[in-house]
N, C-alpha and C. Protein backbone atom coordinates (compact mmCIF):
# COMPACT_ATOMS: atom_id res chain seq x y z
N MET A 1 -60.53 111.97 92.54
CA MET A 1 -61.74 111.36 92.07
C MET A 1 -62.52 110.84 93.28
N ILE A 2 -63.83 110.78 93.12
CA ILE A 2 -64.71 110.32 94.19
C ILE A 2 -65.66 109.28 93.63
N CYS A 3 -65.81 108.17 94.36
CA CYS A 3 -66.74 107.12 93.96
C CYS A 3 -68.17 107.57 94.26
N PRO A 4 -69.07 107.53 93.27
CA PRO A 4 -70.45 107.96 93.51
C PRO A 4 -71.23 107.02 94.42
N GLU A 5 -70.80 105.78 94.56
CA GLU A 5 -71.51 104.80 95.37
C GLU A 5 -71.15 104.90 96.85
N CYS A 6 -69.84 104.98 97.14
CA CYS A 6 -69.41 104.92 98.54
C CYS A 6 -68.68 106.18 99.02
N ALA A 7 -68.47 107.15 98.16
CA ALA A 7 -67.81 108.41 98.47
C ALA A 7 -66.32 108.23 98.80
N TYR A 8 -65.70 107.13 98.37
CA TYR A 8 -64.27 106.92 98.56
C TYR A 8 -63.52 107.86 97.65
N GLU A 9 -62.48 108.52 98.16
CA GLU A 9 -61.67 109.45 97.38
C GLU A 9 -60.29 108.85 97.11
N TRP A 10 -59.77 109.05 95.86
CA TRP A 10 -58.45 108.58 95.51
C TRP A 10 -57.85 109.46 94.42
N ASN A 11 -56.54 109.38 94.32
CA ASN A 11 -55.82 110.12 93.31
C ASN A 11 -55.54 109.16 92.15
N PRO A 12 -56.01 109.44 90.93
CA PRO A 12 -55.81 108.52 89.80
C PRO A 12 -54.34 108.30 89.44
N GLU A 13 -53.46 109.22 89.81
CA GLU A 13 -52.04 109.06 89.54
C GLU A 13 -51.41 107.99 90.43
N ASP A 14 -52.03 107.75 91.60
CA ASP A 14 -51.52 106.75 92.53
C ASP A 14 -52.04 105.35 92.22
N ALA A 15 -53.00 105.24 91.33
CA ALA A 15 -53.63 103.95 91.04
C ALA A 15 -52.62 103.00 90.39
N GLU A 16 -52.63 101.76 90.87
CA GLU A 16 -51.76 100.73 90.30
C GLU A 16 -52.36 100.28 88.98
N GLU A 17 -51.52 99.87 88.06
CA GLU A 17 -52.03 99.44 86.76
C GLU A 17 -52.99 98.26 86.94
N ALA A 18 -54.09 98.32 86.23
CA ALA A 18 -55.09 97.26 86.33
C ALA A 18 -54.59 96.03 85.61
N GLY A 19 -55.05 94.90 86.05
CA GLY A 19 -54.65 93.65 85.40
C GLY A 19 -54.58 92.53 86.41
N LEU A 20 -54.10 91.41 85.95
CA LEU A 20 -54.00 90.22 86.77
C LEU A 20 -52.80 90.34 87.72
N VAL A 21 -53.06 90.21 89.01
CA VAL A 21 -52.00 90.23 90.02
C VAL A 21 -52.04 88.90 90.75
N VAL A 22 -50.96 88.13 90.64
CA VAL A 22 -50.86 86.83 91.30
C VAL A 22 -49.66 86.88 92.23
N LYS A 23 -49.87 86.45 93.48
CA LYS A 23 -48.79 86.46 94.47
C LYS A 23 -48.55 85.05 94.98
N ASP A 24 -47.28 84.75 95.28
CA ASP A 24 -46.94 83.42 95.80
C ASP A 24 -47.23 83.34 97.29
N SER A 25 -46.83 82.25 97.92
CA SER A 25 -47.13 82.03 99.34
C SER A 25 -46.44 83.05 100.24
N ASN A 26 -45.37 83.69 99.78
CA ASN A 26 -44.65 84.69 100.56
C ASN A 26 -45.07 86.12 100.23
N GLY A 27 -46.00 86.29 99.31
CA GLY A 27 -46.46 87.62 98.94
C GLY A 27 -45.69 88.27 97.81
N ASN A 28 -44.77 87.54 97.18
CA ASN A 28 -44.02 88.07 96.04
C ASN A 28 -44.90 88.01 94.80
N ARG A 29 -44.83 89.04 93.99
CA ARG A 29 -45.64 89.10 92.77
C ARG A 29 -45.03 88.20 91.70
N LEU A 30 -45.87 87.39 91.06
CA LEU A 30 -45.42 86.49 90.01
C LEU A 30 -45.73 87.08 88.64
N GLU A 31 -44.88 86.78 87.67
CA GLU A 31 -45.04 87.24 86.29
C GLU A 31 -44.96 86.03 85.36
N ASN A 32 -45.46 86.19 84.14
CA ASN A 32 -45.32 85.14 83.14
C ASN A 32 -43.85 84.86 82.89
N GLY A 33 -43.48 83.58 82.80
CA GLY A 33 -42.10 83.20 82.54
C GLY A 33 -41.26 82.99 83.78
N ASP A 34 -41.78 83.28 84.96
CA ASP A 34 -41.03 83.07 86.20
C ASP A 34 -40.85 81.59 86.48
N SER A 35 -39.91 81.28 87.37
CA SER A 35 -39.73 79.92 87.88
C SER A 35 -40.21 79.91 89.32
N VAL A 36 -40.89 78.83 89.71
CA VAL A 36 -41.41 78.71 91.07
C VAL A 36 -41.04 77.34 91.61
N THR A 37 -41.12 77.20 92.95
CA THR A 37 -40.86 75.95 93.64
C THR A 37 -42.09 75.57 94.43
N VAL A 38 -42.50 74.31 94.35
CA VAL A 38 -43.66 73.80 95.09
C VAL A 38 -43.26 73.70 96.56
N ILE A 39 -44.12 74.17 97.49
CA ILE A 39 -43.75 74.21 98.91
C ILE A 39 -44.32 73.05 99.73
N LYS A 40 -45.22 72.24 99.16
CA LYS A 40 -45.73 71.07 99.88
C LYS A 40 -46.11 70.00 98.88
N ASN A 41 -46.20 68.75 99.33
CA ASN A 41 -46.61 67.66 98.44
C ASN A 41 -48.03 67.90 97.97
N LEU A 42 -48.24 67.82 96.66
CA LEU A 42 -49.57 68.06 96.09
C LEU A 42 -50.08 66.79 95.42
N PRO A 43 -51.17 66.20 95.94
CA PRO A 43 -51.72 65.01 95.29
C PRO A 43 -52.32 65.38 93.93
N VAL A 44 -52.18 64.46 92.96
CA VAL A 44 -52.69 64.67 91.62
C VAL A 44 -53.67 63.55 91.31
N LYS A 45 -54.91 63.92 90.94
CA LYS A 45 -55.91 62.91 90.61
C LYS A 45 -55.43 62.08 89.42
N GLY A 46 -55.54 60.76 89.56
CA GLY A 46 -55.16 59.87 88.48
C GLY A 46 -53.68 59.56 88.41
N ALA A 47 -52.87 60.18 89.25
CA ALA A 47 -51.44 59.90 89.25
C ALA A 47 -51.10 59.05 90.48
N PRO A 48 -50.17 58.11 90.33
CA PRO A 48 -49.85 57.23 91.45
C PRO A 48 -49.05 57.91 92.57
N LYS A 49 -48.46 59.04 92.28
CA LYS A 49 -47.64 59.72 93.30
C LYS A 49 -47.92 61.23 93.25
N PRO A 50 -47.68 61.94 94.36
CA PRO A 50 -47.91 63.39 94.37
C PRO A 50 -46.74 64.16 93.76
N ILE A 51 -46.96 65.43 93.52
CA ILE A 51 -45.86 66.33 93.15
C ILE A 51 -45.13 66.64 94.45
N LYS A 52 -43.86 66.34 94.50
CA LYS A 52 -43.09 66.47 95.73
C LYS A 52 -42.76 67.92 96.06
N SER A 53 -42.66 68.19 97.34
CA SER A 53 -42.22 69.49 97.82
C SER A 53 -40.81 69.74 97.31
N GLY A 54 -40.54 70.95 96.84
CA GLY A 54 -39.22 71.29 96.33
C GLY A 54 -39.10 71.15 94.82
N THR A 55 -40.16 70.66 94.16
CA THR A 55 -40.13 70.54 92.70
C THR A 55 -40.08 71.92 92.07
N LYS A 56 -39.12 72.14 91.18
CA LYS A 56 -38.98 73.43 90.52
C LYS A 56 -39.76 73.41 89.21
N VAL A 57 -40.56 74.45 88.99
CA VAL A 57 -41.37 74.59 87.78
C VAL A 57 -40.90 75.83 87.05
N LYS A 58 -40.50 75.67 85.78
CA LYS A 58 -39.97 76.79 84.99
C LYS A 58 -41.02 77.30 84.03
N ASN A 59 -40.89 78.55 83.66
CA ASN A 59 -41.69 79.18 82.61
C ASN A 59 -43.20 79.05 82.84
N ILE A 60 -43.66 79.62 83.96
CA ILE A 60 -45.09 79.55 84.26
C ILE A 60 -45.87 80.57 83.43
N ARG A 61 -47.17 80.33 83.29
CA ARG A 61 -48.08 81.26 82.63
C ARG A 61 -49.21 81.56 83.60
N LEU A 62 -49.54 82.82 83.77
CA LEU A 62 -50.59 83.22 84.69
C LEU A 62 -51.94 83.17 84.00
N ALA A 63 -52.98 82.81 84.77
CA ALA A 63 -54.32 82.67 84.23
C ALA A 63 -55.34 83.18 85.24
N GLU A 64 -56.51 83.53 84.76
CA GLU A 64 -57.61 83.94 85.63
C GLU A 64 -58.18 82.69 86.30
N GLY A 65 -58.77 82.87 87.48
CA GLY A 65 -59.47 81.76 88.12
C GLY A 65 -58.80 81.30 89.40
N ASP A 66 -59.35 80.22 89.95
CA ASP A 66 -58.89 79.68 91.22
C ASP A 66 -57.47 79.11 91.11
N HIS A 67 -57.19 78.37 90.06
CA HIS A 67 -55.86 77.83 89.81
C HIS A 67 -55.17 78.80 88.85
N SER A 68 -54.40 79.72 89.41
CA SER A 68 -53.92 80.86 88.65
C SER A 68 -52.59 80.66 87.92
N ILE A 69 -52.01 79.45 88.00
CA ILE A 69 -50.74 79.19 87.32
C ILE A 69 -50.90 78.00 86.39
N ASN A 70 -50.61 78.19 85.11
CA ASN A 70 -50.56 77.09 84.15
C ASN A 70 -49.09 76.78 83.92
N CYS A 71 -48.75 75.48 83.93
CA CYS A 71 -47.35 75.10 83.78
C CYS A 71 -47.24 73.68 83.24
N LYS A 72 -46.01 73.26 82.98
CA LYS A 72 -45.72 71.90 82.55
C LYS A 72 -44.69 71.35 83.53
N ILE A 73 -45.03 70.21 84.16
CA ILE A 73 -44.15 69.61 85.15
C ILE A 73 -43.65 68.28 84.60
N ASP A 74 -42.33 68.07 84.64
CA ASP A 74 -41.74 66.82 84.15
C ASP A 74 -42.34 65.63 84.89
N GLY A 75 -42.79 64.64 84.16
CA GLY A 75 -43.37 63.44 84.75
C GLY A 75 -44.87 63.53 84.97
N PHE A 76 -45.44 64.75 84.89
CA PHE A 76 -46.87 64.94 85.11
C PHE A 76 -47.56 65.59 83.91
N GLY A 77 -46.84 66.38 83.14
CA GLY A 77 -47.42 67.07 81.99
C GLY A 77 -47.99 68.43 82.35
N SER A 78 -48.90 68.91 81.50
CA SER A 78 -49.50 70.24 81.71
C SER A 78 -50.51 70.19 82.84
N MET A 79 -50.49 71.21 83.67
CA MET A 79 -51.47 71.30 84.76
C MET A 79 -51.57 72.72 85.28
N SER A 80 -52.56 72.93 86.14
CA SER A 80 -52.77 74.23 86.77
C SER A 80 -52.50 74.09 88.26
N LEU A 81 -51.87 75.12 88.83
CA LEU A 81 -51.56 75.13 90.27
C LEU A 81 -52.15 76.37 90.91
N LYS A 82 -52.40 76.28 92.20
CA LYS A 82 -52.79 77.45 92.97
C LYS A 82 -51.53 78.16 93.43
N SER A 83 -51.56 79.47 93.39
CA SER A 83 -50.37 80.26 93.73
C SER A 83 -50.00 80.15 95.21
N GLU A 84 -50.93 79.74 96.06
CA GLU A 84 -50.64 79.65 97.49
C GLU A 84 -49.75 78.45 97.83
N PHE A 85 -49.52 77.54 96.87
CA PHE A 85 -48.69 76.37 97.12
C PHE A 85 -47.32 76.46 96.46
N VAL A 86 -46.92 77.63 95.99
CA VAL A 86 -45.63 77.81 95.35
C VAL A 86 -44.93 79.04 95.92
N LYS A 87 -43.61 79.08 95.76
CA LYS A 87 -42.84 80.29 96.10
C LYS A 87 -41.94 80.60 94.92
N LYS A 88 -41.64 81.87 94.73
CA LYS A 88 -40.81 82.30 93.62
C LYS A 88 -39.40 81.77 93.81
N ALA A 89 -38.83 81.21 92.74
CA ALA A 89 -37.49 80.63 92.82
C ALA A 89 -36.42 81.67 92.52
């Protein structure tokens, strides 16, 4: 196939499935239901203390947007995290 705009050529059989692709800080692909670990202290608005480095988060859900991980953290409740601050557990 050839792109009519830029003349780029590709084989449609080699194309990766379209969809949401979220990668952690190490480049590992994340999926819904994975467990991740926070890699640095993250301040939380309105909370007296940050989320500590090493906090394990279970059963994540992927979402579109800047904060691509929706999760529930013990002591903080439901929140969204950026994938660049977590690593796959």
